[in-house]
Amino acid sequence: ILSDLVSLVLKDVEKTLIDALKSKETAFLTPVDNKQAGISQNRRVMQPRKLKIAGDYCLLVGCVTDAKKYYREALEPAKQNGDWVWAGGIMEGKAACHMLERAGEKVAMDCLKEALRFYRKVQGLQRLRVSAALKIAGLCVSLALRGD
């Protein structure tokens, strides 16, 4: 019975995600975006954001390979658009993928450092910067305790 419930939930999440990715009305915005008029209608900006969200959902349901694919597709367009908040989020997602693979702690560290560099490009992101810095510090401690 539990597996049937999980299956139904995952199917619903998948349908919701697919509908959101296909929709022209779906806009993924941040507080920074409030200053930029018309950004929700800009397909060039929204497409990498939608791919990042798809990667997040894949990560949530344990599909690391799919998540990495979505993050890879989203990163370059986000950087080209100067969408640094979302590029940083993509790098944090990539770091989580590497951590789940158990062999990529040092690669995850590089991803988190890159996220921090992206966050520094935008004014008013102190919380994101502190969050990324704490993740890096925690990973450093973990690696030091293991002797890596």
C-alpha atoms as a PDB file:
ATOM      1  CA  ILE A   1       0.000   0.000   0.000  1.00  0.00           C
ATOM      2  CA  LEU A   2       2.831   2.392   0.829  1.00  0.00           C
ATOM      3  CA  SER A   3       4.513   1.781  -2.529  1.00  0.00           C
ATOM      4  CA  ASP A   4       1.204   2.545  -4.288  1.00  0.00           C
ATOM      5  CA  LEU A   5       0.931   5.825  -2.384  1.00  0.00           C
ATOM      6  CA  VAL A   6       4.529   6.778  -3.203  1.00  0.00           C
ATOM      7  CA  SER A   7       3.911   5.933  -6.856  1.00  0.00           C
ATOM      8  CA  LEU A   8       0.816   8.154  -6.965  1.00  0.00           C
ATOM      9  CA  VAL A   9       2.647  11.045  -5.303  1.00  0.00           C
ATOM     10  CA  LEU A  10       5.603  10.768  -7.702  1.00  0.00           C
ATOM     11  CA  LYS A  11       3.274  10.656 -10.727  1.00  0.00           C
ATOM     12  CA  ASP A  12       1.515  13.785  -9.473  1.00  0.00           C
ATOM     13  CA  VAL A  13       4.825  15.579  -8.886  1.00  0.00           C
ATOM     14  CA  GLU A  14       6.007  14.571 -12.354  1.00  0.00           C
ATOM     15  CA  LYS A  15       2.794  15.847 -13.994  1.00  0.00           C
ATOM     16  CA  THR A  16       2.974  19.119 -12.063  1.00  0.00           C
ATOM     17  CA  LEU A  17       6.611  19.578 -13.045  1.00  0.00           C
ATOM     18  CA  ILE A  18       6.003  18.827 -16.718  1.00  0.00           C
ATOM     19  CA  ASP A  19       3.036  21.217 -16.798  1.00  0.00           C
ATOM     20  CA  ALA A  20       5.119  23.958 -15.155  1.00  0.00           C
ATOM     21  CA  LEU A  21       8.019  23.475 -17.564  1.00  0.00           C
ATOM     22  CA  LYS A  22       5.730  23.665 -20.588  1.00  0.00           C
ATOM     23  CA  SER A  23       3.668  26.600 -19.335  1.00  0.00           C
ATOM     24  CA  LYS A  24       4.374  30.087 -20.588  1.00  0.00           C
ATOM     25  CA  GLU A  25       2.615  31.549 -17.548  1.00  0.00           C
ATOM     26  CA  THR A  26       4.839  29.871 -14.956  1.00  0.00           C
ATOM     27  CA  ALA A  27       7.423  32.312 -13.647  1.00  0.00           C
ATOM     28  CA  PHE A  28      10.051  31.516 -11.043  1.00  0.00           C
ATOM     29  CA  LEU A  29      11.013  34.803  -9.398  1.00  0.00           C
ATOM     30  CA  THR A  30      13.221  35.928  -6.517  1.00  0.00           C
ATOM     31  CA  PRO A  31      13.021  39.116  -4.425  1.00  0.00           C
ATOM     32  CA  VAL A  32      15.875  40.492  -6.543  1.00  0.00           C
ATOM     33  CA  ASP A  33      13.655  40.177  -9.631  1.00  0.00           C
ATOM     34  CA  ASN A  34      11.104  42.689  -8.321  1.00  0.00           C
ATOM     35  CA  LYS A  35      13.411  45.435  -9.536  1.00  0.00           C
ATOM     36  CA  GLN A  36      13.440  44.102 -13.089  1.00  0.00           C
ATOM     37  CA  ALA A  37      10.216  44.760 -14.971  1.00  0.00           C
ATOM     38  CA  GLY A  38       9.127  42.159 -17.466  1.00  0.00           C
ATOM     39  CA  ILE A  39      11.504  39.440 -16.333  1.00  0.00           C
ATOM     40  CA  SER A  40       8.708  36.877 -15.962  1.00  0.00           C
ATOM     41  CA  GLN A  41       7.913  37.252 -19.683  1.00  0.00           C
ATOM     42  CA  ASN A  42      11.547  36.782 -20.695  1.00  0.00           C
ATOM     43  CA  ARG A  43      11.799  33.200 -21.972  1.00  0.00           C
ATOM     44  CA  ARG A  44      15.591  33.429 -22.140  1.00  0.00           C
ATOM     45  CA  VAL A  45      15.691  33.993 -18.363  1.00  0.00           C
ATOM     46  CA  MET A  46      12.843  31.657 -17.410  1.00  0.00           C
ATOM     47  CA  GLN A  47      14.032  28.568 -19.306  1.00  0.00           C
ATOM     48  CA  PRO A  48      17.222  27.982 -17.250  1.00  0.00           C
ATOM     49  CA  ARG A  49      15.222  28.637 -14.087  1.00  0.00           C
ATOM     50  CA  LYS A  50      12.694  26.002 -15.092  1.00  0.00           C
ATOM     51  CA  LEU A  51      15.530  23.549 -15.788  1.00  0.00           C
ATOM     52  CA  LYS A  52      17.006  24.281 -12.356  1.00  0.00           C
ATOM     53  CA  ILE A  53      13.650  23.611 -10.705  1.00  0.00           C
ATOM     54  CA  ALA A  54      13.365  20.351 -12.672  1.00  0.00           C
ATOM     55  CA  GLY A  55      16.817  19.398 -11.364  1.00  0.00           C
ATOM     56  CA  ASP A  56      15.707  20.195  -7.824  1.00  0.00           C
ATOM     57  CA  TYR A  57      12.657  17.950  -8.149  1.00  0.00           C
ATOM     58  CA  CYS A  58      14.762  15.134  -9.590  1.00  0.00           C
ATOM     59  CA  LEU A  59      17.139  15.502  -6.670  1.00  0.00           C
ATOM     60  CA  LEU A  60      14.254  15.406  -4.202  1.00  0.00           C
ATOM     61  CA  VAL A  61      13.010  12.095  -5.570  1.00  0.00           C
ATOM     62  CA  GLY A  62      16.492  10.585  -5.744  1.00  0.00           C
ATOM     63  CA  CYS A  63      17.182  10.788  -9.493  1.00  0.00           C
ATOM     64  CA  VAL A  64      20.701  12.204  -9.204  1.00  0.00           C
ATOM     65  CA  THR A  65      21.634  11.473 -12.830  1.00  0.00           C
ATOM     66  CA  ASP A  66      18.603  13.363 -14.136  1.00  0.00           C
ATOM     67  CA  ALA A  67      19.207  16.216 -11.696  1.00  0.00           C
ATOM     68  CA  LYS A  68      22.785  16.603 -12.928  1.00  0.00           C
ATOM     69  CA  LYS A  69      21.528  16.669 -16.529  1.00  0.00           C
ATOM     70  CA  TYR A  70      19.064  19.479 -15.787  1.00  0.00           C
ATOM     71  CA  TYR A  71      21.641  21.468 -13.811  1.00  0.00           C
ATOM     72  CA  ARG A  72      24.188  21.078 -16.623  1.00  0.00           C
ATOM     73  CA  GLU A  73      21.644  22.347 -19.184  1.00  0.00           C
ATOM     74  CA  ALA A  74      20.648  25.289 -16.974  1.00  0.00           C
ATOM     75  CA  LEU A  75      24.042  26.588 -15.877  1.00  0.00           C
ATOM     76  CA  GLU A  76      25.497  28.195 -19.017  1.00  0.00           C
ATOM     77  CA  PRO A  77      22.295  30.044 -20.037  1.00  0.00           C
ATOM     78  CA  ALA A  78      21.881  31.332 -16.472  1.00  0.00           C
ATOM     79  CA  LYS A  79      25.462  32.633 -16.489  1.00  0.00           C
ATOM     80  CA  GLN A  80      25.032  34.167 -19.944  1.00  0.00           C
ATOM     81  CA  ASN A  81      21.919  35.972 -18.685  1.00  0.00           C
ATOM     82  CA  GLY A  82      23.769  37.267 -15.628  1.00  0.00           C
ATOM     83  CA  ASP A  83      21.197  35.442 -13.502  1.00  0.00           C
ATOM     84  CA  TRP A  84      23.662  34.969 -10.642  1.00  0.00           C
ATOM     85  CA  VAL A  85      21.180  34.003  -7.910  1.00  0.00           C
ATOM     86  CA  TRP A  86      19.905  31.119 -10.003  1.00  0.00           C
ATOM     87  CA  ALA A  87      23.385  30.161 -11.228  1.00  0.00           C
ATOM     88  CA  GLY A  88      24.448  29.933  -7.577  1.00  0.00           C
ATOM     89  CA  GLY A  89      21.434  27.762  -6.816  1.00  0.00           C
ATOM     90  CA  ILE A  90      22.315  25.507  -9.728  1.00  0.00           C
ATOM     91  CA  MET A  91      25.828  25.092  -8.345  1.00  0.00           C
ATOM     92  CA  GLU A  92      24.421  24.237  -4.915  1.00  0.00           C
ATOM     93  CA  GLY A  93      22.242  21.600  -6.565  1.00  0.00           C
ATOM     94  CA  LYS A  94      25.265  20.196  -8.374  1.00  0.00           C
ATOM     95  CA  ALA A  95      27.124  20.082  -5.051  1.00  0.00           C
ATOM     96  CA  ALA A  96      24.273  18.080  -3.516  1.00  0.00           C
ATOM     97  CA  CYS A  97      24.442  15.628  -6.430  1.00  0.00           C
ATOM     98  CA  HIS A  98      28.161  15.115  -5.902  1.00  0.00           C
ATOM     99  CA  MET A  99      27.643  14.585  -2.187  1.00  0.00           C
ATOM    100  CA  LEU A 100      24.978  11.959  -2.846  1.00  0.00           C
ATOM    101  CA  GLU A 101      27.369  10.138  -5.145  1.00  0.00           C
ATOM    102  CA  ARG A 102      29.715   9.762  -2.178  1.00  0.00           C
ATOM    103  CA  ALA A 103      32.808  10.180  -4.311  1.00  0.00           C
ATOM    104  CA  GLY A 104      32.590  13.855  -5.017  1.00  0.00           C
ATOM    105  CA  GLU A 105      33.142  15.769  -1.784  1.00  0.00           C
ATOM    106  CA  LYS A 106      36.000  17.806  -3.243  1.00  0.00           C
ATOM    107  CA  VAL A 107      34.028  18.480  -6.420  1.00  0.00           C
ATOM    108  CA  ALA A 108      31.070  19.479  -4.239  1.00  0.00           C
ATOM    109  CA  MET A 109      33.364  21.923  -2.431  1.00  0.00           C
ATOM    110  CA  ASP A 110      34.326  23.493  -5.762  1.00  0.00           C
ATOM    111  CA  CYS A 111      30.634  23.781  -6.703  1.00  0.00           C
ATOM    112  CA  LEU A 112      29.849  25.532  -3.417  1.00  0.00           C
ATOM    113  CA  LYS A 113      32.770  27.923  -3.869  1.00  0.00           C
ATOM    114  CA  GLU A 114      31.474  28.752  -7.350  1.00  0.00           C
ATOM    115  CA  ALA A 115      27.984  29.345  -5.921  1.00  0.00           C
ATOM    116  CA  LEU A 116      29.490  31.748  -3.392  1.00  0.00           C
ATOM    117  CA  ARG A 117      31.299  33.601  -6.208  1.00  0.00           C
ATOM    118  CA  PHE A 118      28.010  33.948  -8.085  1.00  0.00           C
ATOM    119  CA  TYR A 119      26.165  35.217  -4.998  1.00  0.00           C
ATOM    120  CA  ARG A 120      28.856  37.871  -4.451  1.00  0.00           C
ATOM    121  CA  LYS A 121      27.945  39.411  -7.829  1.00  0.00           C
ATOM    122  CA  VAL A 122      24.530  40.522  -6.526  1.00  0.00           C
ATOM    123  CA  GLN A 123      23.830  43.155  -3.870  1.00  0.00           C
ATOM    124  CA  GLY A 124      21.742  42.149  -0.860  1.00  0.00           C
ATOM    125  CA  LEU A 125      22.369  38.410  -0.786  1.00  0.00           C
ATOM    126  CA  GLN A 126      24.016  38.218   2.625  1.00  0.00           C
ATOM    127  CA  ARG A 127      21.881  35.260   3.742  1.00  0.00           C
ATOM    128  CA  LEU A 128      22.728  33.230   0.660  1.00  0.00           C
ATOM    129  CA  ARG A 129      26.408  34.093   1.032  1.00  0.00           C
ATOM    130  CA  VAL A 130      26.431  33.082   4.699  1.00  0.00           C
ATOM    131  CA  SER A 131      24.522  29.888   3.904  1.00  0.00           C
ATOM    132  CA  ALA A 132      26.987  28.917   1.150  1.00  0.00           C
ATOM    133  CA  ALA A 133      29.968  29.789   3.364  1.00  0.00           C
ATOM    134  CA  LEU A 134      28.592  27.623   6.189  1.00  0.00           C
ATOM    135  CA  LYS A 135      28.130  24.716   3.795  1.00  0.00           C
ATOM    136  CA  ILE A 136      31.726  25.090   2.653  1.00  0.00           C
ATOM    137  CA  ALA A 137      32.924  25.244   6.273  1.00  0.00           C
ATOM    138  CA  GLY A 138      30.914  22.139   7.193  1.00  0.00           C
ATOM    139  CA  LEU A 139      32.323  20.260   4.232  1.00  0.00           C
ATOM    140  CA  CYS A 140      35.878  21.339   5.162  1.00  0.00           C
ATOM    141  CA  VAL A 141      35.380  20.041   8.700  1.00  0.00           C
ATOM    142  CA  SER A 142      33.971  16.769   7.386  1.00  0.00           C
ATOM    143  CA  LEU A 143      36.889  16.290   5.030  1.00  0.00           C
ATOM    144  CA  ALA A 144      39.420  17.215   7.743  1.00  0.00           C
ATOM    145  CA  LEU A 145      37.929  14.696  10.167  1.00  0.00           C
ATOM    146  CA  ARG A 146      38.243  11.999   7.534  1.00  0.00           C
ATOM    147  CA  GLY A 147      41.790  13.023   6.760  1.00  0.00           C
ATOM    148  CA  ASP A 148      41.162  13.959   3.092  1.00  0.00           C
END
